[in-house]
Amino acid sequence: MALDYEEIRGVSCMVVRENRKFFVSYDSGAQGSRPTVQQITERDFNAVKSGSLSVENVMKRYHYQ
């Protein structure tokens, strides 16, 4: 079975597609904290992939929800 995986990296975060699920991963900046991972929509992932939305904008959108 082939691994279904793709990632697009930003400065301090990245969006990931893995097995038809979509995630944003970012570091909150707090000392000693682990990266935060949140599920995002396929639409947001495709917007980053096409260049119409930056990885950082996706991170900000989900960070404050």
C-alpha atoms as a PDB file:
ATOM      1  CA  MET A   1       0.000   0.000   0.000  1.00  0.00           C
ATOM      2  CA  ALA A   2       1.453   3.333  -1.056  1.00  0.00           C
ATOM      3  CA  LEU A   3       1.676   6.116   1.494  1.00  0.00           C
ATOM      4  CA  ASP A   4      -0.644   9.010   0.629  1.00  0.00           C
ATOM      5  CA  TYR A   5       1.319  11.978   2.004  1.00  0.00           C
ATOM      6  CA  GLU A   6       2.137  15.530   0.944  1.00  0.00           C
ATOM      7  CA  GLU A   7       3.370  18.515   2.938  1.00  0.00           C
ATOM      8  CA  ILE A   8       3.816  22.192   2.170  1.00  0.00           C
ATOM      9  CA  ARG A   9       6.107  24.070   4.553  1.00  0.00           C
ATOM     10  CA  GLY A  10       5.897  27.662   5.665  1.00  0.00           C
ATOM     11  CA  VAL A  11       8.228  29.614   7.933  1.00  0.00           C
ATOM     12  CA  SER A  12       6.956  28.310  11.275  1.00  0.00           C
ATOM     13  CA  CYS A  13       4.187  25.962  10.187  1.00  0.00           C
ATOM     14  CA  MET A  14       3.146  23.486   7.506  1.00  0.00           C
ATOM     15  CA  VAL A  15       0.038  21.954   5.972  1.00  0.00           C
ATOM     16  CA  VAL A  16      -0.101  18.208   5.462  1.00  0.00           C
ATOM     17  CA  ARG A  17      -2.272  15.829   3.454  1.00  0.00           C
ATOM     18  CA  GLU A  18      -2.156  12.285   4.794  1.00  0.00           C
ATOM     19  CA  ASN A  19      -4.551   9.507   3.785  1.00  0.00           C
ATOM     20  CA  ARG A  20      -7.230  11.966   2.576  1.00  0.00           C
ATOM     21  CA  LYS A  21      -7.098  14.012   5.790  1.00  0.00           C
ATOM     22  CA  PHE A  22      -5.739  17.543   5.978  1.00  0.00           C
ATOM     23  CA  PHE A  23      -3.877  19.181   8.863  1.00  0.00           C
ATOM     24  CA  VAL A  24      -2.040  22.356   9.820  1.00  0.00           C
ATOM     25  CA  SER A  25       0.899  22.002  12.213  1.00  0.00           C
ATOM     26  CA  TYR A  26       2.410  24.998  13.992  1.00  0.00           C
ATOM     27  CA  ASP A  27       4.444  25.901  17.056  1.00  0.00           C
ATOM     28  CA  SER A  28       2.643  28.128  19.548  1.00  0.00           C
ATOM     29  CA  GLY A  29       5.928  29.741  20.549  1.00  0.00           C
ATOM     30  CA  ALA A  30       5.704  28.877  24.234  1.00  0.00           C
ATOM     31  CA  GLN A  31       8.948  27.534  25.627  1.00  0.00           C
ATOM     32  CA  GLY A  32       8.837  23.765  26.027  1.00  0.00           C
ATOM     33  CA  SER A  33       5.550  23.361  24.156  1.00  0.00           C
ATOM     34  CA  ARG A  34       4.975  20.816  21.438  1.00  0.00           C
ATOM     35  CA  PRO A  35       3.653  21.696  17.986  1.00  0.00           C
ATOM     36  CA  THR A  36      -0.112  22.041  17.672  1.00  0.00           C
ATOM     37  CA  VAL A  37      -1.845  19.970  14.989  1.00  0.00           C
ATOM     38  CA  GLN A  38      -5.378  20.795  13.841  1.00  0.00           C
ATOM     39  CA  GLN A  39      -7.474  19.299  11.084  1.00  0.00           C
ATOM     40  CA  ILE A  40      -8.288  21.673   8.210  1.00  0.00           C
ATOM     41  CA  THR A  41     -10.498  21.494   5.134  1.00  0.00           C
ATOM     42  CA  GLU A  42      -9.417  20.129   1.782  1.00  0.00           C
ATOM     43  CA  ARG A  43     -10.369  23.503   0.310  1.00  0.00           C
ATOM     44  CA  ASP A  44      -7.800  25.303   2.505  1.00  0.00           C
ATOM     45  CA  PHE A  45      -5.111  22.743   1.631  1.00  0.00           C
ATOM     46  CA  ASN A  46      -5.787  23.142  -2.094  1.00  0.00           C
ATOM     47  CA  ALA A  47      -5.717  26.947  -1.760  1.00  0.00           C
ATOM     48  CA  VAL A  48      -2.227  26.735  -0.252  1.00  0.00           C
ATOM     49  CA  LYS A  49      -1.140  24.268  -2.922  1.00  0.00           C
ATOM     50  CA  SER A  50      -2.343  26.580  -5.711  1.00  0.00           C
ATOM     51  CA  GLY A  51      -0.679  29.606  -4.106  1.00  0.00           C
ATOM     52  CA  SER A  52      -3.854  31.613  -3.486  1.00  0.00           C
ATOM     53  CA  LEU A  53      -3.462  31.291   0.306  1.00  0.00           C
ATOM     54  CA  SER A  54      -0.271  31.215   2.375  1.00  0.00           C
ATOM     55  CA  VAL A  55       0.502  28.526   4.939  1.00  0.00           C
ATOM     56  CA  GLU A  56       0.754  31.234   7.595  1.00  0.00           C
ATOM     57  CA  ASN A  57      -2.764  32.507   6.793  1.00  0.00           C
ATOM     58  CA  VAL A  58      -4.180  28.996   7.245  1.00  0.00           C
ATOM     59  CA  MET A  59      -2.346  28.687  10.569  1.00  0.00           C
ATOM     60  CA  LYS A  60      -3.771  32.013  11.780  1.00  0.00           C
ATOM     61  CA  ARG A  61      -7.287  31.036  10.710  1.00  0.00           C
ATOM     62  CA  TYR A  62      -7.260  27.816  12.754  1.00  0.00           C
ATOM     63  CA  HIS A  63      -5.133  29.128  15.629  1.00  0.00           C
ATOM     64  CA  TYR A  64      -7.812  31.566  16.803  1.00  0.00           C
ATOM     65  CA  GLN A  65     -10.821  29.220  16.545  1.00  0.00           C
END
